[in-house]
PDB file of N, CA and C in Angstrom:
ATOM      1  N   MET A   1      -2.864   3.102   1.877  1.00  0.00           N
ATOM      2  CA  MET A   1      -2.589   4.183   0.963  1.00  0.00           C
ATOM      3  C   MET A   1      -1.308   3.919   0.181  1.00  0.00           C
ATOM      4  N   ARG A   2      -0.177   3.633   0.878  1.00  0.00           N
ATOM      5  CA  ARG A   2       1.080   3.417   0.171  1.00  0.00           C
ATOM      6  C   ARG A   2       0.990   2.208  -0.749  1.00  0.00           C
ATOM      7  N   LEU A   3       0.299   1.170  -0.295  1.00  0.00           N
ATOM      8  CA  LEU A   3       0.162  -0.016  -1.141  1.00  0.00           C
ATOM      9  C   LEU A   3      -0.668   0.275  -2.374  1.00  0.00           C
ATOM     10  N   SER A   4      -1.663   1.142  -2.253  1.00  0.00           N
ATOM     11  CA  SER A   4      -2.477   1.471  -3.421  1.00  0.00           C
ATOM     12  C   SER A   4      -1.650   2.234  -4.446  1.00  0.00           C
ATOM     13  N   VAL A   5      -0.735   3.081  -4.000  1.00  0.00           N
ATOM     14  CA  VAL A   5       0.140   3.804  -4.933  1.00  0.00           C
ATOM     15  C   VAL A   5       1.078   2.826  -5.622  1.00  0.00           C
ATOM     16  N   VAL A   6       1.677   1.937  -4.859  1.00  0.00           N
ATOM     17  CA  VAL A   6       2.597   0.952  -5.426  1.00  0.00           C
ATOM     18  C   VAL A   6       1.854   0.057  -6.417  1.00  0.00           C
ATOM     19  N   SER A   7       0.649  -0.365  -6.069  1.00  0.00           N
ATOM     20  CA  SER A   7      -0.149  -1.213  -6.964  1.00  0.00           C
ATOM     21  C   SER A   7      -0.510  -0.474  -8.241  1.00  0.00           C
ATOM     22  N   ALA A   8      -0.874   0.811  -8.116  1.00  0.00           N
ATOM     23  CA  ALA A   8      -1.233   1.604  -9.296  1.00  0.00           C
ATOM     24  C   ALA A   8      -0.039   1.783 -10.227  1.00  0.00           C
ATOM     25  N   ALA A   9       1.165   1.759  -9.665  1.00  0.00           N
ATOM     26  CA  ALA A   9       2.380   1.886 -10.478  1.00  0.00           C
ATOM     27  C   ALA A   9       2.752   0.560 -11.135  1.00  0.00           C
ATOM     28  N   GLY A  10       1.977  -0.489 -10.831  1.00  0.00           N
ATOM     29  CA  GLY A  10       2.211  -1.779 -11.476  1.00  0.00           C
ATOM     30  C   GLY A  10       3.141  -2.697 -10.715  1.00  0.00           C
ATOM     31  N   GLN A  11       3.358  -2.426  -9.446  1.00  0.00           N
ATOM     32  CA  GLN A  11       4.285  -3.237  -8.663  1.00  0.00           C
ATOM     33  C   GLN A  11       3.624  -3.776  -7.396  1.00  0.00           C
ATOM     34  N   ALA A  12       2.438  -4.321  -7.520  1.00  0.00           N
ATOM     35  CA  ALA A  12       1.690  -4.786  -6.343  1.00  0.00           C
ATOM     36  C   ALA A  12       2.469  -5.879  -5.613  1.00  0.00           C
ATOM     37  N   PRO A  13       2.815  -5.633  -4.349  1.00  0.00           N
ATOM     38  CA  PRO A  13       3.531  -6.663  -3.587  1.00  0.00           C
ATOM     39  C   PRO A  13       2.582  -7.762  -3.132  1.00  0.00           C
ATOM     40  N   LYS A  14       3.119  -8.932  -2.947  1.00  0.00           N
ATOM     41  CA  LYS A  14       2.319 -10.056  -2.457  1.00  0.00           C
ATOM     42  C   LYS A  14       1.983  -9.837  -0.988  1.00  0.00           C
ATOM     43  N   ALA A  15       0.817 -10.287  -0.577  1.00  0.00           N
ATOM     44  CA  ALA A  15       0.343 -10.099   0.794  1.00  0.00           C
ATOM     45  C   ALA A  15       1.325 -10.680   1.802  1.00  0.00           C
ATOM     46  N   ALA A  16       1.927 -11.823   1.488  1.00  0.00           N
ATOM     47  CA  ALA A  16       2.882 -12.448   2.417  1.00  0.00           C
ATOM     48  C   ALA A  16       4.098 -11.551   2.631  1.00  0.00           C
ATOM     49  N   PHE A  17       4.557 -10.882   1.584  1.00  0.00           N
ATOM     50  CA  PHE A  17       5.690  -9.968   1.717  1.00  0.00           C
ATOM     51  C   PHE A  17       5.330  -8.790   2.619  1.00  0.00           C
ATOM     52  N   VAL A  18       4.162  -8.203   2.375  1.00  0.00           N
ATOM     53  CA  VAL A  18       3.712  -7.052   3.165  1.00  0.00           C
ATOM     54  C   VAL A  18       3.597  -7.440   4.634  1.00  0.00           C
ATOM     55  N   GLU A  19       2.980  -8.560   4.917  1.00  0.00           N
ATOM     56  CA  GLU A  19       2.806  -8.993   6.303  1.00  0.00           C
ATOM     57  C   GLU A  19       4.147  -9.305   6.957  1.00  0.00           C
ATOM     58  N   GLY A  20       5.041  -9.937   6.218  1.00  0.00           N
ATOM     59  CA  GLY A  20       6.357 -10.243   6.761  1.00  0.00           C
ATOM     60  C   GLY A  20       7.142  -8.981   7.102  1.00  0.00           C
ATOM     61  N   ALA A  21       7.102  -8.009   6.207  1.00  0.00           N
ATOM     62  CA  ALA A  21       7.799  -6.743   6.455  1.00  0.00           C
ATOM     63  C   ALA A  21       7.180  -6.017   7.637  1.00  0.00           C
ATOM     64  N   ARG A  22       5.863  -5.976   7.690  1.00  0.00           N
ATOM     65  CA  ARG A  22       5.173  -5.303   8.806  1.00  0.00           C
ATOM     66  C   ARG A  22       5.546  -5.959  10.136  1.00  0.00           C
ATOM     67  N   THR A  23       5.536  -7.278  10.160  1.00  0.00           N
ATOM     68  CA  THR A  23       5.876  -8.003  11.385  1.00  0.00           C
ATOM     69  C   THR A  23       7.322  -7.734  11.795  1.00  0.00           C
ATOM     70  N   THR A  24       8.222  -7.808  10.847  1.00  0.00           N
ATOM     71  CA  THR A  24       9.640  -7.595  11.126  1.00  0.00           C
ATOM     72  C   THR A  24       9.898  -6.198  11.691  1.00  0.00           C
ATOM     73  N   LEU A  25       9.214  -5.205  11.153  1.00  0.00           N
ATOM     74  CA  LEU A  25       9.485  -3.823  11.549  1.00  0.00           C
ATOM     75  C   LEU A  25       8.704  -3.359  12.773  1.00  0.00           C
ATOM     76  N   THR A  26       7.654  -4.080  13.160  1.00  0.00           N
ATOM     77  CA  THR A  26       6.820  -3.600  14.271  1.00  0.00           C
ATOM     78  C   THR A  26       6.796  -4.508  15.489  1.00  0.00           C
ATOM     79  N   THR A  27       7.437  -5.642  15.428  1.00  0.00           N
ATOM     80  CA  THR A  27       7.459  -6.539  16.573  1.00  0.00           C
ATOM     81  C   THR A  27       8.301  -5.922  17.693  1.00  0.00           C
ATOM     82  N   PRO A  28       7.735  -5.795  18.888  1.00  0.00           N
ATOM     83  CA  PRO A  28       8.517  -5.244  19.997  1.00  0.00           C
ATOM     84  C   PRO A  28       9.820  -6.021  20.186  1.00  0.00           C
ATOM     85  N   GLY A  29      10.909  -5.280  20.325  1.00  0.00           N
ATOM     86  CA  GLY A  29      12.215  -5.906  20.509  1.00  0.00           C
ATOM     87  C   GLY A  29      12.929  -6.260  19.215  1.00  0.00           C
ATOM     88  N   SER A  30      12.271  -6.053  18.071  1.00  0.00           N
ATOM     89  CA  SER A  30      12.906  -6.364  16.794  1.00  0.00           C
ATOM     90  C   SER A  30      14.146  -5.496  16.604  1.00  0.00           C
ATOM     91  N   THR A  31      15.185  -6.076  16.069  1.00  0.00           N
ATOM     92  CA  THR A  31      16.409  -5.314  15.800  1.00  0.00           C
ATOM     93  C   THR A  31      16.387  -4.693  14.408  1.00  0.00           C
ATOM     94  N   GLN A  32      15.333  -4.916  13.665  1.00  0.00           N
ATOM     95  CA  GLN A  32      15.215  -4.376  12.317  1.00  0.00           C
ATOM     96  C   GLN A  32      14.495  -3.035  12.349  1.00  0.00           C
ATOM     97  N   SER A  33      14.894  -2.127  11.468  1.00  0.00           N
ATOM     98  CA  SER A  33      14.219  -0.842  11.336  1.00  0.00           C
ATOM     99  C   SER A  33      14.440  -0.321   9.918  1.00  0.00           C
ATOM    100  N   PRO A  34      13.572   0.583   9.472  1.00  0.00           N
ATOM    101  CA  PRO A  34      13.758   1.160   8.137  1.00  0.00           C
ATOM    102  C   PRO A  34      15.087   1.923   8.063  1.00  0.00           C
ATOM    103  N   SER A  35      15.734   1.855   6.924  1.00  0.00           N
ATOM    104  CA  SER A  35      17.031   2.518   6.771  1.00  0.00           C
ATOM    105  C   SER A  35      16.927   4.024   6.970  1.00  0.00           C
ATOM    106  N   MET A  36      15.824   4.634   6.543  1.00  0.00           N
ATOM    107  CA  MET A  36      15.687   6.073   6.722  1.00  0.00           C
ATOM    108  C   MET A  36      15.620   6.432   8.208  1.00  0.00           C
ATOM    109  N   PHE A  37      14.982   5.600   9.005  1.00  0.00           N
ATOM    110  CA  PHE A  37      14.918   5.823  10.449  1.00  0.00           C
ATOM    111  C   PHE A  37      16.319   5.749  11.057  1.00  0.00           C
ATOM    112  N   ARG A  38      17.093   4.757  10.644  1.00  0.00           N
ATOM    113  CA  ARG A  38      18.466   4.633  11.163  1.00  0.00           C
ATOM    114  C   ARG A  38      19.301   5.849  10.755  1.00  0.00           C
ATOM    115  N   ASP A  39      19.119   6.303   9.519  1.00  0.00           N
ATOM    116  CA  ASP A  39      19.845   7.491   9.061  1.00  0.00           C
ATOM    117  C   ASP A  39      19.480   8.715   9.887  1.00  0.00           C
ATOM    118  N   LEU A  40      18.197   8.883  10.185  1.00  0.00           N
ATOM    119  CA  LEU A  40      17.763  10.017  11.017  1.00  0.00           C
ATOM    120  C   LEU A  40      18.408   9.961  12.393  1.00  0.00           C
ATOM    121  N   LEU A  41      18.417   8.796  13.008  1.00  0.00           N
ATOM    122  CA  LEU A  41      19.008   8.652  14.332  1.00  0.00           C
ATOM    123  C   LEU A  41      20.502   8.969  14.338  1.00  0.00           C
ATOM    124  N   GLN A  42      21.174   8.658  13.234  1.00  0.00           N
ATOM    125  CA  GLN A  42      22.621   8.863  13.148  1.00  0.00           C
ATOM    126  C   GLN A  42      22.981  10.250  12.630  1.00  0.00           C
ATOM    127  N   GLY A  43      21.962  11.046  12.261  1.00  0.00           N
ATOM    128  CA  GLY A  43      22.244  12.366  11.703  1.00  0.00           C
ATOM    129  C   GLY A  43      22.819  12.289  10.302  1.00  0.00           C
ATOM    130  N   SER A  44      22.525  11.201   9.605  1.00  0.00           N
ATOM    131  CA  SER A  44      23.038  10.986   8.250  1.00  0.00           C
ATOM    132  C   SER A  44      22.057  11.527   7.213  1.00  0.00           C
ATOM    133  N   PRO A  45      22.526  11.715   5.976  1.00  0.00           N
ATOM    134  CA  PRO A  45      21.610  12.112   4.905  1.00  0.00           C
ATOM    135  C   PRO A  45      20.511  11.065   4.731  1.00  0.00           C
ATOM    136  N   ILE A  46      19.336  11.523   4.338  1.00  0.00           N
ATOM    137  CA  ILE A  46      18.207  10.627   4.089  1.00  0.00           C
ATOM    138  C   ILE A  46      17.789  10.744   2.625  1.00  0.00           C
ATOM    139  N   GLU A  47      16.903   9.876   2.213  1.00  0.00           N
ATOM    140  CA  GLU A  47      16.453   9.850   0.821  1.00  0.00           C
ATOM    141  C   GLU A  47      15.011  10.346   0.721  1.00  0.00           C
ATOM    142  N   ALA A  48      14.760  11.559   1.204  1.00  0.00           N
ATOM    143  CA  ALA A  48      13.400  12.109   1.204  1.00  0.00           C
ATOM    144  C   ALA A  48      12.848  12.207  -0.213  1.00  0.00           C
ATOM    145  N   ASP A  49      13.631  12.753  -1.141  1.00  0.00           N
ATOM    146  CA  ASP A  49      13.153  12.889  -2.522  1.00  0.00           C
ATOM    147  C   ASP A  49      12.942  11.535  -3.176  1.00  0.00           C
ATOM    148  N   GLN A  50      13.886  10.637  -2.958  1.00  0.00           N
ATOM    149  CA  GLN A  50      13.832   9.340  -3.626  1.00  0.00           C
ATOM    150  C   GLN A  50      12.736   8.442  -3.078  1.00  0.00           C
ATOM    151  N   ILE A  51      12.389   8.565  -1.811  1.00  0.00           N
ATOM    152  CA  ILE A  51      11.392   7.673  -1.221  1.00  0.00           C
ATOM    153  C   ILE A  51      10.038   8.363  -1.091  1.00  0.00           C
ATOM    154  N   ILE A  52       9.952   9.376  -0.246  1.00  0.00           N
ATOM    155  CA  ILE A  52       8.667  10.037  -0.011  1.00  0.00           C
ATOM    156  C   ILE A  52       8.267  10.894  -1.208  1.00  0.00           C
ATOM    157  N   GLY A  53       9.214  11.645  -1.767  1.00  0.00           N
ATOM    158  CA  GLY A  53       8.912  12.480  -2.937  1.00  0.00           C
ATOM    159  C   GLY A  53       8.413  11.646  -4.106  1.00  0.00           C
ATOM    160  N   ASP A  54       9.054  10.510  -4.339  1.00  0.00           N
ATOM    161  CA  ASP A  54       8.632   9.623  -5.421  1.00  0.00           C
ATOM    162  C   ASP A  54       7.231   9.069  -5.162  1.00  0.00           C
ATOM    163  N   LEU A  55       6.962   8.677  -3.914  1.00  0.00           N
ATOM    164  CA  LEU A  55       5.636   8.173  -3.568  1.00  0.00           C
ATOM    165  C   LEU A  55       4.565   9.237  -3.796  1.00  0.00           C
ATOM    166  N   LEU A  56       4.856  10.483  -3.400  1.00  0.00           N
ATOM    167  CA  LEU A  56       3.910  11.579  -3.627  1.00  0.00           C
ATOM    168  C   LEU A  56       3.657  11.789  -5.118  1.00  0.00           C
ATOM    169  N   ALA A  57       4.721  11.790  -5.915  1.00  0.00           N
ATOM    170  CA  ALA A  57       4.581  11.999  -7.354  1.00  0.00           C
ATOM    171  C   ALA A  57       3.784  10.877  -8.013  1.00  0.00           C
ATOM    172  N   ARG A  58       4.055   9.635  -7.644  1.00  0.00           N
ATOM    173  CA  ARG A  58       3.333   8.507  -8.225  1.00  0.00           C
ATOM    174  C   ARG A  58       1.860   8.517  -7.799  1.00  0.00           C
ATOM    175  N   GLY A  59       1.601   8.903  -6.541  1.00  0.00           N
ATOM    176  CA  GLY A  59       0.227   9.008  -6.079  1.00  0.00           C
ATOM    177  C   GLY A  59      -0.537  10.074  -6.842  1.00  0.00           C
ATOM    178  N   ALA A  60       0.097  11.214  -7.037  1.00  0.00           N
ATOM    179  CA  ALA A  60      -0.546  12.302  -7.790  1.00  0.00           C
ATOM    180  C   ALA A  60      -0.833  11.871  -9.222  1.00  0.00           C
ATOM    181  N   LYS A  61       0.114  11.198  -9.838  1.00  0.00           N
ATOM    182  CA  LYS A  61      -0.063  10.727 -11.224  1.00  0.00           C
ATOM    183  C   LYS A  61      -1.219   9.733 -11.329  1.00  0.00           C
ATOM    184  N   ALA A  62      -1.390   8.903 -10.306  1.00  0.00           N
ATOM    185  CA  ALA A  62      -2.455   7.897 -10.312  1.00  0.00           C
ATOM    186  C   ALA A  62      -3.773   8.444  -9.765  1.00  0.00           C
ATOM    187  N   GLY A  63      -3.774   9.708  -9.304  1.00  0.00           N
ATOM    188  CA  GLY A  63      -4.987  10.283  -8.737  1.00  0.00           C
ATOM    189  C   GLY A  63      -5.324   9.749  -7.357  1.00  0.00           C
ATOM    190  N   ILE A  64      -4.320   9.292  -6.640  1.00  0.00           N
ATOM    191  CA  ILE A  64      -4.512   8.731  -5.300  1.00  0.00           C
ATOM    192  C   ILE A  64      -4.027   9.757  -4.278  1.00  0.00           C
ATOM    193  N   PRO A  65      -4.899  10.189  -3.367  1.00  0.00           N
ATOM    194  CA  PRO A  65      -4.449  11.141  -2.349  1.00  0.00           C
ATOM    195  C   PRO A  65      -3.342  10.537  -1.484  1.00  0.00           C
ATOM    196  N   THR A  66      -2.305  11.297  -1.289  1.00  0.00           N
ATOM    197  CA  THR A  66      -1.187  10.839  -0.465  1.00  0.00           C
ATOM    198  C   THR A  66      -0.864  11.931   0.557  1.00  0.00           C
ATOM    199  N   PRO A  67      -1.508  11.895   1.702  1.00  0.00           N
ATOM    200  CA  PRO A  67      -1.326  12.957   2.700  1.00  0.00           C
ATOM    201  C   PRO A  67       0.003  12.867   3.439  1.00  0.00           C
ATOM    202  N   LEU A  68       1.090  12.917   2.685  1.00  0.00           N
ATOM    203  CA  LEU A  68       2.416  12.821   3.277  1.00  0.00           C
ATOM    204  C   LEU A  68       3.181  14.131   3.150  1.00  0.00           C
ATOM    205  N   LEU A  69       2.500  15.200   2.773  1.00  0.00           N
ATOM    206  CA  LEU A  69       3.189  16.458   2.527  1.00  0.00           C
ATOM    207  C   LEU A  69       3.942  16.948   3.750  1.00  0.00           C
ATOM    208  N   THR A  70       3.355  16.848   4.923  1.00  0.00           N
ATOM    209  CA  THR A  70       4.022  17.303   6.142  1.00  0.00           C
ATOM    210  C   THR A  70       5.272  16.478   6.413  1.00  0.00           C
ATOM    211  N   ALA A  71       5.170  15.172   6.264  1.00  0.00           N
ATOM    212  CA  ALA A  71       6.338  14.312   6.472  1.00  0.00           C
ATOM    213  C   ALA A  71       7.433  14.664   5.470  1.00  0.00           C
ATOM    214  N   TYR A  72       7.052  14.853   4.219  1.00  0.00           N
ATOM    215  CA  TYR A  72       8.032  15.189   3.184  1.00  0.00           C
ATOM    216  C   TYR A  72       8.684  16.533   3.474  1.00  0.00           C
ATOM    217  N   ALA A  73       7.894  17.506   3.883  1.00  0.00           N
ATOM    218  CA  ALA A  73       8.439  18.830   4.188  1.00  0.00           C
ATOM    219  C   ALA A  73       9.443  18.746   5.327  1.00  0.00           C
ATOM    220  N   ASN A  74       9.095  18.025   6.383  1.00  0.00           N
ATOM    221  CA  ASN A  74      10.017  17.879   7.512  1.00  0.00           C
ATOM    222  C   ASN A  74      11.306  17.176   7.104  1.00  0.00           C
ATOM    223  N   MET A  75      11.189  16.140   6.293  1.00  0.00           N
ATOM    224  CA  MET A  75      12.377  15.417   5.845  1.00  0.00           C
ATOM    225  C   MET A  75      13.240  16.286   4.945  1.00  0.00           C
ATOM    226  N   SER A  76      12.598  17.091   4.117  1.00  0.00           N
ATOM    227  CA  SER A  76      13.347  17.983   3.227  1.00  0.00           C
ATOM    228  C   SER A  76      14.114  19.029   4.026  1.00  0.00           C
ATOM    229  N   VAL A  77      13.494  19.591   5.054  1.00  0.00           N
ATOM    230  CA  VAL A  77      14.166  20.558   5.914  1.00  0.00           C
ATOM    231  C   VAL A  77      15.364  19.899   6.596  1.00  0.00           C
ATOM    232  N   TYR A  78      15.152  18.703   7.129  1.00  0.00           N
ATOM    233  CA  TYR A  78      16.252  17.954   7.764  1.00  0.00           C
ATOM    234  C   TYR A  78      17.393  17.764   6.781  1.00  0.00           C
ATOM    235  N   GLN A  79      17.068  17.305   5.575  1.00  0.00           N
ATOM    236  CA  GLN A  79      18.087  17.039   4.561  1.00  0.00           C
ATOM    237  C   GLN A  79      18.841  18.312   4.206  1.00  0.00           C
ATOM    238  N   ASP A  80      18.133  19.417   4.040  1.00  0.00           N
ATOM    239  CA  ASP A  80      18.780  20.683   3.669  1.00  0.00           C
ATOM    240  C   ASP A  80      19.714  21.178   4.760  1.00  0.00           C
ATOM    241  N   ARG A  81      19.384  20.896   6.012  1.00  0.00           N
ATOM    242  CA  ARG A  81      20.250  21.338   7.119  1.00  0.00           C
ATOM    243  C   ARG A  81      21.584  20.583   7.126  1.00  0.00           C
ATOM    244  N   LEU A  82      21.600  19.400   6.545  1.00  0.00           N
ATOM    245  CA  LEU A  82      22.847  18.626   6.494  1.00  0.00           C
ATOM    246  C   LEU A  82      23.788  19.111   5.405  1.00  0.00           C
ATOM    247  N   ALA A  83      23.241  19.795   4.427  1.00  0.00           N
ATOM    248  CA  ALA A  83      24.049  20.221   3.273  1.00  0.00           C
ATOM    249  C   ALA A  83      25.001  21.355   3.610  1.00  0.00           C
TER     250      ALA A  83
END
């Protein structure tokens, strides 16, 4: 789903990049993690609007269903509590 939105926006990533990122982020014991996850763990501000909100908007514009509303809502609530 996320790749289809990115591709529709004209920025299709190469398969090798996608696989490398997936491997890096999901290999047991990996020290790498998404920056938003690290921010959540540290109680720091996150980029809900810039990352998830943008993905939702681009998906809607391209007519691609993006069932991330619950995730976005939760992230927005978290972000607002920090303000």
